[in-house]
Amino acid sequence: MEIERYIVAGDSSLVEMVLGGDGHAFEHLFDRYASSLRRIYLQRMGGNAGDTDDLIQDIFIKAYVNLHSYNKVYTFGQWIYTIARNTFIDYVRKRRDDLSIDDGSCGELVRQPASTMPDPEEKILRGERRAQLEVVLERLSPKYRNLIELRFYKDLSYEEISDELKVPLGTVKTRIHRARTQLEGLIGGGV
């Protein structure tokens, strides 16, 4: 059976399948790690499920875009948790006013340095991967594509997107969530 191929495959094999164009393999990587990352984030964020789900989606979009830079010296779990840690650090930095970082729940994370800049070869590979992502983005509806570009390419906060598009903040959050869900479906369905 076809699904057994994914279930028994190791993480490195699944990564190779994804890089070879198999979107279903990425779904299995997502399934292996999303629930444990979600539990960690829920614990650190005091049960805020909405932001937790948004961060999980951010992590896996970043992982997909940068999958070519995965180094087999480390386990895929180590790599994805590094992305998760850095995503959480960015989240805390952007929302310092809203979150108390003095309670000890995330203070250790904030003091850790962010990841290093990619070398020229990694930049070229990242550009190729982004080109592949552009093909998927073209299949999104224009309003969702615009939101993904503002959020992930221009790295705007929800508030900045709300100001730029002149729509309520809640609408931005809802639309970005829908855009991510649609994008994950397109990535999972294979490009």
Protein backbone atom coordinates (compact mmCIF):
# COMPACT_ATOMS: atom_id res chain seq x y z
CA MET A 1 0.00 0.00 0.00
CA GLU A 2 1.23 3.53 -0.84
CA ILE A 3 0.73 5.07 2.62
CA GLU A 4 2.96 2.46 4.25
CA ARG A 5 5.87 3.84 2.25
CA TYR A 6 5.53 7.13 4.13
CA ILE A 7 4.83 5.63 7.52
CA VAL A 8 7.93 3.43 7.56
CA ALA A 9 10.21 6.04 5.96
CA GLY A 10 12.66 7.83 8.21
CA ASP A 11 12.67 11.60 8.44
CA SER A 12 15.70 11.93 6.14
CA SER A 13 13.98 9.79 3.52
CA LEU A 14 10.85 11.89 3.76
CA VAL A 15 12.93 15.05 3.33
CA GLU A 16 14.49 13.58 0.19
CA MET A 17 11.03 12.70 -1.13
CA VAL A 18 9.80 16.25 -0.51
CA LEU A 19 12.84 17.73 -2.24
CA GLY A 20 12.08 15.38 -5.11
CA GLY A 21 8.61 16.91 -5.42
CA ASP A 22 6.52 14.56 -3.26
CA GLY A 23 4.18 16.83 -1.27
CA HIS A 24 2.59 13.92 0.59
CA ALA A 25 5.93 13.23 2.30
CA PHE A 26 5.83 16.71 3.82
CA GLU A 27 2.38 15.98 5.23
CA HIS A 28 3.87 13.02 7.07
CA LEU A 29 6.71 15.13 8.45
CA PHE A 30 4.10 17.63 9.62
CA ASP A 31 2.06 14.87 11.25
CA ARG A 32 5.11 13.55 13.08
CA TYR A 33 6.06 16.85 14.71
CA ALA A 34 3.09 19.23 14.78
CA SER A 35 1.34 17.82 17.84
CA SER A 36 4.44 17.84 20.06
CA LEU A 37 5.31 21.39 18.95
CA ARG A 38 1.72 22.42 19.62
CA ARG A 39 1.88 21.02 23.17
CA ILE A 40 5.11 22.90 23.87
CA TYR A 41 3.72 26.17 22.53
CA LEU A 42 0.41 25.78 24.38
CA GLN A 43 2.34 25.31 27.60
CA ARG A 44 4.57 28.33 27.02
CA MET A 45 1.74 30.54 25.84
CA GLY A 46 -0.68 29.69 28.61
CA GLY A 47 -3.11 27.78 26.44
CA ASN A 48 -3.51 30.39 23.67
CA ALA A 49 -4.57 27.98 20.92
CA GLY A 50 -5.07 30.60 18.19
CA ASP A 51 -1.54 32.00 18.35
CA THR A 52 -0.15 28.51 18.89
CA ASP A 53 -1.75 27.23 15.69
CA ASP A 54 -0.50 30.27 13.79
CA LEU A 55 3.05 29.66 15.04
CA ILE A 56 2.89 25.97 14.11
CA GLN A 57 1.86 26.93 10.59
CA ASP A 58 4.67 29.51 10.45
CA ILE A 59 7.18 26.86 11.49
CA PHE A 60 6.16 24.41 8.80
CA ILE A 61 5.99 27.03 6.07
CA LYS A 62 9.52 28.14 7.03
CA ALA A 63 10.62 24.50 7.10
CA TYR A 64 9.17 23.87 3.65
CA VAL A 65 10.75 26.99 2.16
CA ASN A 66 14.13 26.15 3.71
CA LEU A 67 14.04 22.36 3.45
CA HIS A 68 17.00 22.37 1.07
CA SER A 69 19.17 23.67 3.93
CA TYR A 70 18.39 20.71 6.21
CA ASN A 71 21.68 19.06 7.22
CA LYS A 72 21.51 15.30 7.81
CA VAL A 73 24.19 15.63 10.48
CA TYR A 74 21.29 16.63 12.74
CA THR A 75 18.03 14.82 13.11
CA PHE A 76 15.03 16.40 11.44
CA GLY A 77 13.56 16.80 14.93
CA GLN A 78 16.54 18.91 16.03
CA TRP A 79 16.22 21.03 12.90
CA ILE A 80 12.48 21.63 13.19
CA TYR A 81 12.76 22.38 16.92
CA THR A 82 15.47 24.96 16.13
CA ILE A 83 13.08 26.60 13.68
CA ALA A 84 10.36 26.42 16.35
CA ARG A 85 12.62 27.99 18.97
CA ASN A 86 13.64 30.83 16.66
CA THR A 87 10.02 31.38 15.59
CA PHE A 88 9.01 31.62 19.24
CA ILE A 89 11.84 34.05 19.98
CA ASP A 90 10.66 36.24 17.10
CA TYR A 91 7.09 36.01 18.38
CA VAL A 92 8.14 37.07 21.89
CA ARG A 93 10.22 39.96 20.55
CA LYS A 94 7.35 41.26 18.43
CA ARG A 95 4.89 41.03 21.29
CA ARG A 96 6.96 42.01 24.31
CA ASP A 97 4.28 44.38 25.47
CA ASP A 98 1.63 41.67 25.41
CA LEU A 99 3.61 38.82 26.99
CA SER A 100 5.35 38.77 30.35
CA ILE A 101 8.82 37.38 29.78
CA ASP A 102 9.77 37.90 33.42
CA ASP A 103 7.82 34.90 34.68
CA GLY A 104 10.59 32.51 33.64
CA SER A 105 8.53 30.62 31.08
CA CYS A 106 10.39 31.98 28.08
CA GLY A 107 13.26 34.03 29.54
CA GLU A 108 15.83 31.38 28.69
CA LEU A 109 14.71 31.31 25.08
CA VAL A 110 15.01 35.06 24.66
CA ARG A 111 18.62 35.06 25.83
CA GLN A 112 19.67 32.48 23.23
CA PRO A 113 21.16 33.88 20.03
CA ALA A 114 19.25 33.61 16.76
CA SER A 115 20.52 31.35 14.00
CA THR A 116 23.39 32.46 11.78
CA MET A 117 23.04 33.94 8.31
CA PRO A 118 23.09 31.50 5.37
CA ASP A 119 26.20 31.19 3.21
CA PRO A 120 26.05 32.07 -0.53
CA GLU A 121 25.27 28.49 -1.59
CA GLU A 122 22.39 28.29 0.87
CA LYS A 123 21.07 31.61 -0.46
CA ILE A 124 21.05 30.21 -4.00
CA LEU A 125 19.29 27.03 -2.88
CA ARG A 126 16.81 29.06 -0.86
CA GLY A 127 16.10 31.13 -3.97
CA GLU A 128 15.38 27.97 -5.96
CA ARG A 129 13.07 26.69 -3.22
CA ARG A 130 11.28 30.03 -3.11
CA ALA A 131 10.80 29.80 -6.87
CA GLN A 132 9.08 26.45 -6.31
CA LEU A 133 6.94 28.05 -3.62
CA GLU A 134 6.01 30.83 -6.07
CA VAL A 135 4.42 28.19 -8.30
CA VAL A 136 2.24 27.12 -5.37
CA LEU A 137 1.48 30.74 -4.44
CA GLU A 138 0.19 31.39 -7.95
CA ARG A 139 -2.52 28.82 -7.28
CA LEU A 140 -3.78 30.74 -4.23
CA SER A 141 -6.55 33.28 -4.63
CA PRO A 142 -5.12 36.82 -5.05
CA LYS A 143 -6.26 38.05 -1.61
CA TYR A 144 -4.65 35.06 0.13
CA ARG A 145 -1.47 35.29 -1.95
CA ASN A 146 -1.15 38.96 -1.00
CA LEU A 147 -1.51 38.12 2.70
CA ILE A 148 1.14 35.38 2.53
CA GLU A 149 3.51 37.75 0.75
CA LEU A 150 2.97 40.51 3.32
CA ARG A 151 3.37 38.14 6.26
CA PHE A 152 6.24 35.92 5.12
CA TYR A 153 8.11 37.85 2.45
CA LYS A 154 7.79 41.36 3.86
CA ASP A 155 7.66 39.99 7.44
CA LEU A 156 4.88 42.40 8.48
CA SER A 157 3.06 41.93 11.77
CA TYR A 158 -0.69 41.38 11.80
CA GLU A 159 -1.13 44.97 12.96
CA GLU A 160 0.99 46.31 10.08
CA ILE A 161 -0.98 44.24 7.59
CA SER A 162 -4.22 45.53 9.10
CA ASP A 163 -3.01 49.10 8.67
CA GLU A 164 -1.78 48.54 5.12
CA LEU A 165 -4.95 46.79 3.92
CA LYS A 166 -7.25 48.95 6.04
CA VAL A 167 -9.16 45.97 7.42
CA PRO A 168 -9.79 45.00 11.06
CA LEU A 169 -7.11 43.02 12.88
CA GLY A 170 -9.47 40.07 13.43
CA THR A 171 -10.15 39.91 9.69
CA VAL A 172 -6.40 39.82 8.98
CA LYS A 173 -5.89 36.96 11.44
CA THR A 174 -8.79 34.97 9.99
CA ARG A 175 -7.68 35.49 6.39
CA ILE A 176 -4.05 34.62 7.13
CA HIS A 177 -5.17 31.46 8.88
CA ARG A 178 -7.29 30.52 5.85
CA ALA A 179 -4.43 31.39 3.49
CA ARG A 180 -2.03 29.16 5.44
CA THR A 181 -4.51 26.32 5.45
CA GLN A 182 -5.01 26.64 1.69
CA LEU A 183 -1.25 26.88 1.14
CA GLU A 184 -0.60 23.77 3.24
CA GLY A 185 -3.24 21.93 1.22
CA LEU A 186 -1.55 22.93 -2.03
CA ILE A 187 1.90 21.97 -0.74
CA GLY A 188 0.58 18.67 0.63
CA GLY A 189 -1.15 17.94 -2.67
CA GLY A 190 2.14 18.18 -4.52
CA VAL A 191 3.31 20.92 -6.79
